[in-house]
Amino acid sequence: LEVTLETGRTHQIRVHMQAQRHPCVGDTMYGADPTISARLGLT
């Protein structure tokens, strides 16, 4: 995705994408699947 912010809240993209049930890949704090993170080599 290309994401444009109108506001700049802490963790804004991460929180908003989790709320849409599409968390950022690798973002286990906000609900990402750790098996996908491991497959992609993301920490």
PDB file of all heavy atoms in Angstrom:
ATOM      1  N   LEU A   1       0.824  -1.203   0.000  1.00  0.00           N
ATOM      2  CA  LEU A   1       0.000   0.000   0.000  1.00  0.00           C
ATOM      3  C   LEU A   1       0.861   1.257   0.000  1.00  0.00           C
ATOM      4  O   LEU A   1       1.956   1.271   0.568  1.00  0.00           O
ATOM      5  CB  LEU A   1      -0.893   0.057   1.248  1.00  0.00           C
ATOM      6  CG  LEU A   1      -1.758  -1.144   1.595  1.00  0.00           C
ATOM      7  CD1 LEU A   1      -2.597  -0.826   2.833  1.00  0.00           C
ATOM      8  CD2 LEU A   1      -2.639  -1.549   0.426  1.00  0.00           C
ATOM      9  N   GLU A   2       0.338   2.304  -0.623  1.00  0.00           N
ATOM     10  CA  GLU A   2       0.886   3.643  -0.428  1.00  0.00           C
ATOM     11  C   GLU A   2      -0.066   4.351   0.526  1.00  0.00           C
ATOM     12  O   GLU A   2      -1.278   4.410   0.285  1.00  0.00           O
ATOM     13  CB  GLU A   2       0.995   4.402  -1.750  1.00  0.00           C
ATOM     14  CG  GLU A   2       1.612   5.782  -1.569  1.00  0.00           C
ATOM     15  CD  GLU A   2       2.158   6.367  -2.867  1.00  0.00           C
ATOM     16  OE1 GLU A   2       3.273   5.962  -3.275  1.00  0.00           O
ATOM     17  OE2 GLU A   2       1.456   7.207  -3.452  1.00  0.00           O
ATOM     18  N   VAL A   3       0.490   4.864   1.615  1.00  0.00           N
ATOM     19  CA  VAL A   3      -0.322   5.431   2.690  1.00  0.00           C
ATOM     20  C   VAL A   3       0.030   6.902   2.885  1.00  0.00           C
ATOM     21  O   VAL A   3       1.209   7.253   3.016  1.00  0.00           O
ATOM     22  CB  VAL A   3      -0.093   4.662   4.008  1.00  0.00           C
ATOM     23  CG1 VAL A   3      -0.976   5.226   5.114  1.00  0.00           C
ATOM     24  CG2 VAL A   3      -0.363   3.173   3.820  1.00  0.00           C
ATOM     25  N   THR A   4      -0.990   7.743   2.918  1.00  0.00           N
ATOM     26  CA  THR A   4      -0.801   9.170   3.154  1.00  0.00           C
ATOM     27  C   THR A   4      -1.487   9.551   4.460  1.00  0.00           C
ATOM     28  O   THR A   4      -2.661   9.204   4.674  1.00  0.00           O
ATOM     29  CB  THR A   4      -1.390  10.006   2.003  1.00  0.00           C
ATOM     30  OG1 THR A   4      -0.810   9.587   0.772  1.00  0.00           O
ATOM     31  CG2 THR A   4      -1.105  11.487   2.212  1.00  0.00           C
ATOM     32  N   LEU A   5      -0.778  10.257   5.314  1.00  0.00           N
ATOM     33  CA  LEU A   5      -1.325  10.652   6.616  1.00  0.00           C
ATOM     34  C   LEU A   5      -1.785  12.099   6.596  1.00  0.00           C
ATOM     35  O   LEU A   5      -1.062  12.988   6.167  1.00  0.00           O
ATOM     36  CB  LEU A   5      -0.269  10.482   7.705  1.00  0.00           C
ATOM     37  CG  LEU A   5       0.258   9.066   7.957  1.00  0.00           C
ATOM     38  CD1 LEU A   5       1.232   9.081   9.121  1.00  0.00           C
ATOM     39  CD2 LEU A   5      -0.882   8.104   8.234  1.00  0.00           C
ATOM     40  N   GLU A   6      -2.996  12.320   7.092  1.00  0.00           N
ATOM     41  CA  GLU A   6      -3.444  13.690   7.359  1.00  0.00           C
ATOM     42  C   GLU A   6      -2.990  14.112   8.749  1.00  0.00           C
ATOM     43  O   GLU A   6      -2.676  15.268   8.995  1.00  0.00           O
ATOM     44  CB  GLU A   6      -4.969  13.789   7.274  1.00  0.00           C
ATOM     45  CG  GLU A   6      -5.510  13.926   5.877  1.00  0.00           C
ATOM     46  CD  GLU A   6      -6.972  14.323   5.858  1.00  0.00           C
ATOM     47  OE1 GLU A   6      -7.426  14.974   6.828  1.00  0.00           O
ATOM     48  OE2 GLU A   6      -7.656  13.976   4.882  1.00  0.00           O
ATOM     49  N   THR A   7      -3.002  13.154   9.669  1.00  0.00           N
ATOM     50  CA  THR A   7      -2.571  13.399  11.047  1.00  0.00           C
ATOM     51  C   THR A   7      -1.358  12.530  11.334  1.00  0.00           C
ATOM     52  O   THR A   7      -1.033  11.636  10.559  1.00  0.00           O
ATOM     53  CB  THR A   7      -3.709  13.068  12.031  1.00  0.00           C
ATOM     54  OG1 THR A   7      -4.178  11.736  11.757  1.00  0.00           O
ATOM     55  CG2 THR A   7      -4.864  14.050  11.872  1.00  0.00           C
ATOM     56  N   GLY A   8      -0.693  12.777  12.450  1.00  0.00           N
ATOM     57  CA  GLY A   8       0.523  12.030  12.758  1.00  0.00           C
ATOM     58  C   GLY A   8       0.511  11.450  14.154  1.00  0.00           C
ATOM     59  O   GLY A   8       1.363  11.754  14.979  1.00  0.00           O
ATOM     60  N   ARG A   9      -0.476  10.611  14.440  1.00  0.00           N
ATOM     61  CA  ARG A   9      -0.569   9.993  15.771  1.00  0.00           C
ATOM     62  C   ARG A   9       0.442   8.858  15.908  1.00  0.00           C
ATOM     63  O   ARG A   9       0.808   8.212  14.918  1.00  0.00           O
ATOM     64  CB  ARG A   9      -1.980   9.444  16.020  1.00  0.00           C
ATOM     65  CG  ARG A   9      -3.094  10.421  15.739  1.00  0.00           C
ATOM     66  CD  ARG A   9      -2.959  11.700  16.521  1.00  0.00           C
ATOM     67  NE  ARG A   9      -4.014  12.642  16.144  1.00  0.00           N
ATOM     68  CZ  ARG A   9      -3.951  13.942  16.317  1.00  0.00           C
ATOM     69  NH1 ARG A   9      -2.860  14.493  16.867  1.00  0.00           N
ATOM     70  NH2 ARG A   9      -4.937  14.718  15.959  1.00  0.00           N
ATOM     71  N   THR A  10       0.853   8.597  17.131  1.00  0.00           N
ATOM     72  CA  THR A  10       1.770   7.489  17.398  1.00  0.00           C
ATOM     73  C   THR A  10       1.138   6.172  16.940  1.00  0.00           C
ATOM     74  O   THR A  10      -0.011   5.886  17.277  1.00  0.00           O
ATOM     75  CB  THR A  10       2.107   7.426  18.894  1.00  0.00           C
ATOM     76  OG1 THR A  10       2.648   8.678  19.315  1.00  0.00           O
ATOM     77  CG2 THR A  10       3.113   6.320  19.173  1.00  0.00           C
ATOM     78  N   HIS A  11       1.881   5.406  16.159  1.00  0.00           N
ATOM     79  CA  HIS A  11       1.449   4.089  15.665  1.00  0.00           C
ATOM     80  C   HIS A  11       0.209   4.178  14.771  1.00  0.00           C
ATOM     81  O   HIS A  11      -0.507   3.185  14.599  1.00  0.00           O
ATOM     82  CB  HIS A  11       1.160   3.121  16.825  1.00  0.00           C
ATOM     83  CG  HIS A  11       2.347   2.793  17.663  1.00  0.00           C
ATOM     84  ND1 HIS A  11       2.287   1.913  18.734  1.00  0.00           N
ATOM     85  CD2 HIS A  11       3.632   3.241  17.634  1.00  0.00           C
ATOM     86  CE1 HIS A  11       3.480   1.823  19.309  1.00  0.00           C
ATOM     87  NE2 HIS A  11       4.309   2.630  18.654  1.00  0.00           N
ATOM     88  N   GLN A  12      -0.048   5.347  14.166  1.00  0.00           N
ATOM     89  CA  GLN A  12      -1.312   5.547  13.455  1.00  0.00           C
ATOM     90  C   GLN A  12      -1.573   4.512  12.370  1.00  0.00           C
ATOM     91  O   GLN A  12      -2.652   3.895  12.333  1.00  0.00           O
ATOM     92  CB  GLN A  12      -1.360   6.947  12.838  1.00  0.00           C
ATOM     93  CG  GLN A  12      -2.652   7.211  12.050  1.00  0.00           C
ATOM     94  CD  GLN A  12      -2.779   8.649  11.604  1.00  0.00           C
ATOM     95  OE1 GLN A  12      -2.412   9.563  12.331  1.00  0.00           O
ATOM     96  NE2 GLN A  12      -3.307   8.864  10.404  1.00  0.00           N
ATOM     97  N   ILE A  13      -0.620   4.304  11.467  1.00  0.00           N
ATOM     98  CA  ILE A  13      -0.836   3.341  10.376  1.00  0.00           C
ATOM     99  C   ILE A  13      -1.027   1.943  10.947  1.00  0.00           C
ATOM    100  O   ILE A  13      -1.925   1.196  10.518  1.00  0.00           O
ATOM    101  CB  ILE A  13       0.348   3.378   9.389  1.00  0.00           C
ATOM    102  CG1 ILE A  13       0.427   4.745   8.703  1.00  0.00           C
ATOM    103  CG2 ILE A  13       0.219   2.261   8.348  1.00  0.00           C
ATOM    104  CD1 ILE A  13       1.676   4.936   7.849  1.00  0.00           C
ATOM    105  N   ARG A  14      -0.216   1.589  11.905  1.00  0.00           N
ATOM    106  CA  ARG A  14      -0.284   0.237  12.485  1.00  0.00           C
ATOM    107  C   ARG A  14      -1.639  -0.011  13.149  1.00  0.00           C
ATOM    108  O   ARG A  14      -2.239  -1.089  12.997  1.00  0.00           O
ATOM    109  CB  ARG A  14       0.862   0.060  13.482  1.00  0.00           C
ATOM    110  CG  ARG A  14       2.234   0.251  12.841  1.00  0.00           C
ATOM    111  CD  ARG A  14       3.340   0.432  13.863  1.00  0.00           C
ATOM    112  NE  ARG A  14       3.551  -0.773  14.646  1.00  0.00           N
ATOM    113  CZ  ARG A  14       4.355  -0.822  15.724  1.00  0.00           C
ATOM    114  NH1 ARG A  14       4.996   0.281  16.112  1.00  0.00           N
ATOM    115  NH2 ARG A  14       4.511  -1.952  16.370  1.00  0.00           N
ATOM    116  N   VAL A  15      -2.129   0.982  13.898  1.00  0.00           N
ATOM    117  CA  VAL A  15      -3.422   0.842  14.581  1.00  0.00           C
ATOM    118  C   VAL A  15      -4.566   0.794  13.573  1.00  0.00           C
ATOM    119  O   VAL A  15      -5.466  -0.054  13.661  1.00  0.00           O
ATOM    120  CB  VAL A  15      -3.624   1.999  15.583  1.00  0.00           C
ATOM    121  CG1 VAL A  15      -5.055   1.998  16.125  1.00  0.00           C
ATOM    122  CG2 VAL A  15      -2.631   1.900  16.722  1.00  0.00           C
ATOM    123  N   HIS A  16      -4.554   1.704  12.607  1.00  0.00           N
ATOM    124  CA  HIS A  16      -5.638   1.744  11.628  1.00  0.00           C
ATOM    125  C   HIS A  16      -5.681   0.484  10.766  1.00  0.00           C
ATOM    126  O   HIS A  16      -6.770  -0.031  10.463  1.00  0.00           O
ATOM    127  CB  HIS A  16      -5.504   2.991  10.750  1.00  0.00           C
ATOM    128  CG  HIS A  16      -6.165   4.199  11.337  1.00  0.00           C
ATOM    129  ND1 HIS A  16      -6.043   5.454  10.789  1.00  0.00           N
ATOM    130  CD2 HIS A  16      -6.957   4.345  12.435  1.00  0.00           C
ATOM    131  CE1 HIS A  16      -6.735   6.321  11.518  1.00  0.00           C
ATOM    132  NE2 HIS A  16      -7.284   5.668  12.522  1.00  0.00           N
ATOM    133  N   MET A  17      -4.528  -0.039  10.378  1.00  0.00           N
ATOM    134  CA  MET A  17      -4.544  -1.242   9.551  1.00  0.00           C
ATOM    135  C   MET A  17      -4.970  -2.463  10.364  1.00  0.00           C
ATOM    136  O   MET A  17      -5.672  -3.344   9.851  1.00  0.00           O
ATOM    137  CB  MET A  17      -3.179  -1.473   8.902  1.00  0.00           C
ATOM    138  CG  MET A  17      -2.759  -0.375   7.907  1.00  0.00           C
ATOM    139  SD  MET A  17      -4.064   0.224   6.797  1.00  0.00           S
ATOM    140  CE  MET A  17      -4.534  -1.265   5.922  1.00  0.00           C
ATOM    141  N   GLN A  18      -4.575  -2.524  11.634  1.00  0.00           N
ATOM    142  CA  GLN A  18      -5.058  -3.623  12.478  1.00  0.00           C
ATOM    143  C   GLN A  18      -6.582  -3.567  12.602  1.00  0.00           C
ATOM    144  O   GLN A  18      -7.261  -4.598  12.557  1.00  0.00           O
ATOM    145  CB  GLN A  18      -4.430  -3.548  13.872  1.00  0.00           C
ATOM    146  CG  GLN A  18      -4.910  -4.680  14.785  1.00  0.00           C
ATOM    147  CD  GLN A  18      -4.661  -4.410  16.261  1.00  0.00           C
ATOM    148  OE1 GLN A  18      -4.725  -3.267  16.705  1.00  0.00           O
ATOM    149  NE2 GLN A  18      -4.355  -5.455  17.013  1.00  0.00           N
ATOM    150  N   ALA A  19      -7.116  -2.343  12.759  1.00  0.00           N
ATOM    151  CA  ALA A  19      -8.556  -2.191  12.914  1.00  0.00           C
ATOM    152  C   ALA A  19      -9.319  -2.669  11.673  1.00  0.00           C
ATOM    153  O   ALA A  19     -10.477  -3.088  11.771  1.00  0.00           O
ATOM    154  CB  ALA A  19      -8.902  -0.734  13.205  1.00  0.00           C
ATOM    155  N   GLN A  20      -8.650  -2.630  10.493  1.00  0.00           N
ATOM    156  CA  GLN A  20      -9.259  -3.125   9.257  1.00  0.00           C
ATOM    157  C   GLN A  20      -9.009  -4.622   9.054  1.00  0.00           C
ATOM    158  O   GLN A  20      -9.356  -5.174   8.019  1.00  0.00           O
ATOM    159  CB  GLN A  20      -8.684  -2.346   8.065  1.00  0.00           C
ATOM    160  CG  GLN A  20      -8.917  -0.845   8.110  1.00  0.00           C
ATOM    161  CD  GLN A  20     -10.382  -0.482   8.104  1.00  0.00           C
ATOM    162  OE1 GLN A  20     -11.102  -0.885   7.205  1.00  0.00           O
ATOM    163  NE2 GLN A  20     -10.826   0.272   9.102  1.00  0.00           N
ATOM    164  N   ARG A  21      -8.368  -5.241  10.050  1.00  0.00           N
ATOM    165  CA  ARG A  21      -7.985  -6.658   9.994  1.00  0.00           C
ATOM    166  C   ARG A  21      -6.959  -6.927   8.905  1.00  0.00           C
ATOM    167  O   ARG A  21      -6.921  -8.023   8.322  1.00  0.00           O
ATOM    168  CB  ARG A  21      -9.226  -7.555   9.830  1.00  0.00           C
ATOM    169  CG  ARG A  21     -10.200  -7.415  10.985  1.00  0.00           C
ATOM    170  CD  ARG A  21     -11.351  -8.375  10.880  1.00  0.00           C
ATOM    171  NE  ARG A  21     -12.259  -8.245  12.016  1.00  0.00           N
ATOM    172  CZ  ARG A  21     -13.371  -8.949  12.192  1.00  0.00           C
ATOM    173  NH1 ARG A  21     -13.702  -9.869  11.279  1.00  0.00           N
ATOM    174  NH2 ARG A  21     -14.132  -8.762  13.238  1.00  0.00           N
ATOM    175  N   HIS A  22      -6.135  -5.919   8.647  1.00  0.00           N
ATOM    176  CA  HIS A  22      -5.032  -6.048   7.696  1.00  0.00           C
ATOM    177  C   HIS A  22      -3.767  -5.464   8.333  1.00  0.00           C
ATOM    178  O   HIS A  22      -3.235  -4.450   7.863  1.00  0.00           O
ATOM    179  CB  HIS A  22      -5.351  -5.321   6.384  1.00  0.00           C
ATOM    180  CG  HIS A  22      -6.538  -5.862   5.663  1.00  0.00           C
ATOM    181  ND1 HIS A  22      -6.537  -7.111   5.059  1.00  0.00           N
ATOM    182  CD2 HIS A  22      -7.772  -5.345   5.459  1.00  0.00           C
ATOM    183  CE1 HIS A  22      -7.722  -7.331   4.509  1.00  0.00           C
ATOM    184  NE2 HIS A  22      -8.485  -6.271   4.733  1.00  0.00           N
ATOM    185  N   PRO A  23      -3.278  -6.082   9.426  1.00  0.00           N
ATOM    186  CA  PRO A  23      -2.102  -5.521  10.096  1.00  0.00           C
ATOM    187  C   PRO A  23      -0.879  -5.513   9.191  1.00  0.00           C
ATOM    188  O   PRO A  23      -0.781  -6.312   8.240  1.00  0.00           O
ATOM    189  CB  PRO A  23      -1.893  -6.458  11.289  1.00  0.00           C
ATOM    190  CG  PRO A  23      -2.522  -7.751  10.866  1.00  0.00           C
ATOM    191  CD  PRO A  23      -3.708  -7.354  10.027  1.00  0.00           C
ATOM    192  N   CYS A  24       0.043  -4.608   9.465  1.00  0.00           N
ATOM    193  CA  CYS A  24       1.300  -4.599   8.716  1.00  0.00           C
ATOM    194  C   CYS A  24       1.995  -5.946   8.903  1.00  0.00           C
ATOM    195  O   CYS A  24       2.093  -6.451  10.034  1.00  0.00           O
ATOM    196  CB  CYS A  24       2.217  -3.478   9.213  1.00  0.00           C
ATOM    197  SG  CYS A  24       1.605  -1.810   8.875  1.00  0.00           S
ATOM    198  N   VAL A  25       2.470  -6.519   7.820  1.00  0.00           N
ATOM    199  CA  VAL A  25       3.212  -7.777   7.907  1.00  0.00           C
ATOM    200  C   VAL A  25       4.410  -7.579   8.839  1.00  0.00           C
ATOM    201  O   VAL A  25       5.108  -6.571   8.771  1.00  0.00           O
ATOM    202  CB  VAL A  25       3.680  -8.207   6.507  1.00  0.00           C
ATOM    203  CG1 VAL A  25       4.679  -9.343   6.591  1.00  0.00           C
ATOM    204  CG2 VAL A  25       2.488  -8.598   5.642  1.00  0.00           C
ATOM    205  N   GLY A  26       4.622  -8.521   9.735  1.00  0.00           N
ATOM    206  CA  GLY A  26       5.734  -8.432  10.674  1.00  0.00           C
ATOM    207  C   GLY A  26       5.402  -7.721  11.966  1.00  0.00           C
ATOM    208  O   GLY A  26       6.192  -7.758  12.918  1.00  0.00           O
ATOM    209  N   ASP A  27       4.237  -7.081  12.046  1.00  0.00           N
ATOM    210  CA  ASP A  27       3.884  -6.271  13.218  1.00  0.00           C
ATOM    211  C   ASP A  27       3.125  -7.116  14.237  1.00  0.00           C
ATOM    212  O   ASP A  27       1.906  -6.991  14.408  1.00  0.00           O
ATOM    213  CB  ASP A  27       3.054  -5.070  12.790  1.00  0.00           C
ATOM    214  CG  ASP A  27       2.901  -4.032  13.888  1.00  0.00           C
ATOM    215  OD1 ASP A  27       3.488  -4.229  14.971  1.00  0.00           O
ATOM    216  OD2 ASP A  27       2.211  -3.021  13.658  1.00  0.00           O
ATOM    217  N   THR A  28       3.854  -7.985  14.939  1.00  0.00           N
ATOM    218  CA  THR A  28       3.205  -8.901  15.879  1.00  0.00           C
ATOM    219  C   THR A  28       2.542  -8.167  17.046  1.00  0.00           C
ATOM    220  O   THR A  28       1.595  -8.677  17.637  1.00  0.00           O
ATOM    221  CB  THR A  28       4.219  -9.924  16.421  1.00  0.00           C
ATOM    222  OG1 THR A  28       5.370  -9.233  16.931  1.00  0.00           O
ATOM    223  CG2 THR A  28       4.676 -10.862  15.299  1.00  0.00           C
ATOM    224  N   MET A  29       3.023  -6.962  17.386  1.00  0.00           N
ATOM    225  CA  MET A  29       2.388  -6.190  18.460  1.00  0.00           C
ATOM    226  C   MET A  29       0.936  -5.864  18.117  1.00  0.00           C
ATOM    227  O   MET A  29       0.069  -5.794  18.987  1.00  0.00           O
ATOM    228  CB  MET A  29       3.151  -4.892  18.727  1.00  0.00           C
ATOM    229  CG  MET A  29       2.483  -3.986  19.763  1.00  0.00           C
ATOM    230  SD  MET A  29       3.330  -2.422  20.040  1.00  0.00           S
ATOM    231  CE  MET A  29       4.745  -2.957  21.003  1.00  0.00           C
ATOM    232  N   TYR A  30       0.677  -5.679  16.826  1.00  0.00           N
ATOM    233  CA  TYR A  30      -0.671  -5.318  16.394  1.00  0.00           C
ATOM    234  C   TYR A  30      -1.329  -6.411  15.557  1.00  0.00           C
ATOM    235  O   TYR A  30      -2.079  -6.141  14.632  1.00  0.00           O
ATOM    236  CB  TYR A  30      -0.640  -3.985  15.637  1.00  0.00           C
ATOM    237  CG  TYR A  30      -0.443  -2.802  16.557  1.00  0.00           C
ATOM    238  CD1 TYR A  30       0.805  -2.189  16.679  1.00  0.00           C
ATOM    239  CD2 TYR A  30      -1.487  -2.308  17.338  1.00  0.00           C
ATOM    240  CE1 TYR A  30       0.988  -1.105  17.536  1.00  0.00           C
ATOM    241  CE2 TYR A  30      -1.314  -1.223  18.193  1.00  0.00           C
ATOM    242  CZ  TYR A  30      -0.071  -0.631  18.285  1.00  0.00           C
ATOM    243  OH  TYR A  30       0.107   0.437  19.144  1.00  0.00           O
ATOM    244  N   GLY A  31      -1.033  -7.656  15.907  1.00  0.00           N
ATOM    245  CA  GLY A  31      -1.824  -8.765  15.389  1.00  0.00           C
ATOM    246  C   GLY A  31      -1.334  -9.461  14.147  1.00  0.00           C
ATOM    247  O   GLY A  31      -2.052 -10.294  13.576  1.00  0.00           O
ATOM    248  N   ALA A  32      -0.117  -9.174  13.675  1.00  0.00           N
ATOM    249  CA  ALA A  32       0.382  -9.852  12.476  1.00  0.00           C
ATOM    250  C   ALA A  32       0.667 -11.326  12.777  1.00  0.00           C
ATOM    251  O   ALA A  32       1.027 -11.701  13.894  1.00  0.00           O
ATOM    252  CB  ALA A  32       1.648  -9.173  11.973  1.00  0.00           C
ATOM    253  N   ASP A  33       0.522 -12.151  11.754  1.00  0.00           N
ATOM    254  CA  ASP A  33       0.772 -13.592  11.865  1.00  0.00           C
ATOM    255  C   ASP A  33       2.286 -13.837  11.933  1.00  0.00           C
ATOM    256  O   ASP A  33       3.002 -13.543  10.968  1.00  0.00           O
ATOM    257  CB  ASP A  33       0.177 -14.288  10.646  1.00  0.00           C
ATOM    258  CG  ASP A  33       0.287 -15.804  10.711  1.00  0.00           C
ATOM    259  OD1 ASP A  33       1.108 -16.308  11.518  1.00  0.00           O
ATOM    260  OD2 ASP A  33      -0.420 -16.481   9.954  1.00  0.00           O
ATOM    261  N   PRO A  34       2.809 -14.381  13.037  1.00  0.00           N
ATOM    262  CA  PRO A  34       4.258 -14.577  13.160  1.00  0.00           C
ATOM    263  C   PRO A  34       4.824 -15.585  12.167  1.00  0.00           C
ATOM    264  O   PRO A  34       6.013 -15.537  11.845  1.00  0.00           O
ATOM    265  CB  PRO A  34       4.431 -15.063  14.606  1.00  0.00           C
ATOM    266  CG  PRO A  34       3.099 -15.591  15.008  1.00  0.00           C
ATOM    267  CD  PRO A  34       2.088 -14.782  14.262  1.00  0.00           C
ATOM    268  N   THR A  35       3.989 -16.487  11.658  1.00  0.00           N
ATOM    269  CA  THR A  35       4.507 -17.455  10.681  1.00  0.00           C
ATOM    270  C   THR A  35       4.833 -16.765   9.349  1.00  0.00           C
ATOM    271  O   THR A  35       5.778 -17.147   8.667  1.00  0.00           O
ATOM    272  CB  THR A  35       3.497 -18.596  10.442  1.00  0.00           C
ATOM    273  OG1 THR A  35       2.278 -18.058   9.912  1.00  0.00           O
ATOM    274  CG2 THR A  35       3.193 -19.327  11.739  1.00  0.00           C
ATOM    275  N   ILE A  36       4.051 -15.745   9.001  1.00  0.00           N
ATOM    276  CA  ILE A  36       4.345 -14.980   7.786  1.00  0.00           C
ATOM    277  C   ILE A  36       5.629 -14.180   7.980  1.00  0.00           C
ATOM    278  O   ILE A  36       6.482 -14.108   7.090  1.00  0.00           O
ATOM    279  CB  ILE A  36       3.168 -14.053   7.430  1.00  0.00           C
ATOM    280  CG1 ILE A  36       1.912 -14.861   7.118  1.00  0.00           C
ATOM    281  CG2 ILE A  36       3.533 -13.149   6.249  1.00  0.00           C
ATOM    282  CD1 ILE A  36       0.687 -14.022   6.819  1.00  0.00           C
ATOM    283  N   SER A  37       5.778 -13.571   9.155  1.00  0.00           N
ATOM    284  CA  SER A  37       7.005 -12.809   9.457  1.00  0.00           C
ATOM    285  C   SER A  37       8.227 -13.694   9.306  1.00  0.00           C
ATOM    286  O   SER A  37       9.237 -13.286   8.709  1.00  0.00           O
ATOM    287  CB  SER A  37       6.940 -12.257  10.892  1.00  0.00           C
ATOM    288  OG  SER A  37       5.755 -11.536  11.112  1.00  0.00           O
ATOM    289  N   ALA A  38       8.146 -14.917   9.840  1.00  0.00           N
ATOM    290  CA  ALA A  38       9.283 -15.841   9.772  1.00  0.00           C
ATOM    291  C   ALA A  38       9.582 -16.226   8.331  1.00  0.00           C
ATOM    292  O   ALA A  38      10.754 -16.291   7.919  1.00  0.00           O
ATOM    293  CB  ALA A  38       8.993 -17.082  10.613  1.00  0.00           C
ATOM    294  N   ARG A  39       8.537 -16.457   7.542  1.00  0.00           N
ATOM    295  CA  ARG A  39       8.745 -16.859   6.147  1.00  0.00           C
ATOM    296  C   ARG A  39       9.419 -15.757   5.342  1.00  0.00           C
ATOM    297  O   ARG A  39      10.222 -16.026   4.443  1.00  0.00           O
ATOM    298  CB  ARG A  39       7.390 -17.220   5.510  1.00  0.00           C
ATOM    299  CG  ARG A  39       7.487 -17.644   4.050  1.00  0.00           C
ATOM    300  CD  ARG A  39       6.194 -18.294   3.587  1.00  0.00           C
ATOM    301  NE  ARG A  39       5.078 -17.365   3.597  1.00  0.00           N
ATOM    302  CZ  ARG A  39       4.766 -16.556   2.577  1.00  0.00           C
ATOM    303  NH1 ARG A  39       5.514 -16.553   1.479  1.00  0.00           N
ATOM    304  NH2 ARG A  39       3.716 -15.776   2.639  1.00  0.00           N
ATOM    305  N   LEU A  40       9.126 -14.512   5.709  1.00  0.00           N
ATOM    306  CA  LEU A  40       9.690 -13.376   4.979  1.00  0.00           C
ATOM    307  C   LEU A  40      10.988 -12.866   5.593  1.00  0.00           C
ATOM    308  O   LEU A  40      11.605 -11.942   5.065  1.00  0.00           O
ATOM    309  CB  LEU A  40       8.666 -12.231   4.922  1.00  0.00           C
ATOM    310  CG  LEU A  40       7.334 -12.551   4.238  1.00  0.00           C
ATOM    311  CD1 LEU A  40       6.427 -11.338   4.260  1.00  0.00           C
ATOM    312  CD2 LEU A  40       7.561 -13.028   2.810  1.00  0.00           C
ATOM    313  N   GLY A  41      11.391 -13.457   6.719  1.00  0.00           N
ATOM    314  CA  GLY A  41      12.624 -13.034   7.367  1.00  0.00           C
ATOM    315  C   GLY A  41      12.519 -11.679   8.040  1.00  0.00           C
ATOM    316  O   GLY A  41      13.521 -10.983   8.219  1.00  0.00           O
ATOM    317  N   LEU A  42      11.307 -11.301   8.462  1.00  0.00           N
ATOM    318  CA  LEU A  42      11.095  -9.990   9.075  1.00  0.00           C
ATOM    319  C   LEU A  42      11.135 -10.066  10.594  1.00  0.00           C
ATOM    320  O   LEU A  42      10.549 -10.979  11.199  1.00  0.00           O
ATOM    321  CB  LEU A  42       9.732  -9.416   8.657  1.00  0.00           C
ATOM    322  CG  LEU A  42       9.632  -8.796   7.268  1.00  0.00           C
ATOM    323  CD1 LEU A  42       8.184  -8.403   6.979  1.00  0.00           C
ATOM    324  CD2 LEU A  42      10.540  -7.569   7.145  1.00  0.00           C
ATOM    325  N   THR A  43      11.805  -9.099  11.205  1.00  0.00           N
ATOM    326  CA  THR A  43      11.816  -8.988  12.660  1.00  0.00           C
ATOM    327  C   THR A  43      11.162  -7.687  13.115  1.00  0.00           C
ATOM    328  O   THR A  43      11.269  -7.299  14.266  1.00  0.00           O
ATOM    329  CB  THR A  43      13.258  -9.045  13.197  1.00  0.00           C
ATOM    330  OG1 THR A  43      14.028  -7.991  12.592  1.00  0.00           O
ATOM    331  CG2 THR A  43      13.900 -10.390  12.893  1.00  0.00           C
TER     332      THR A  43
END
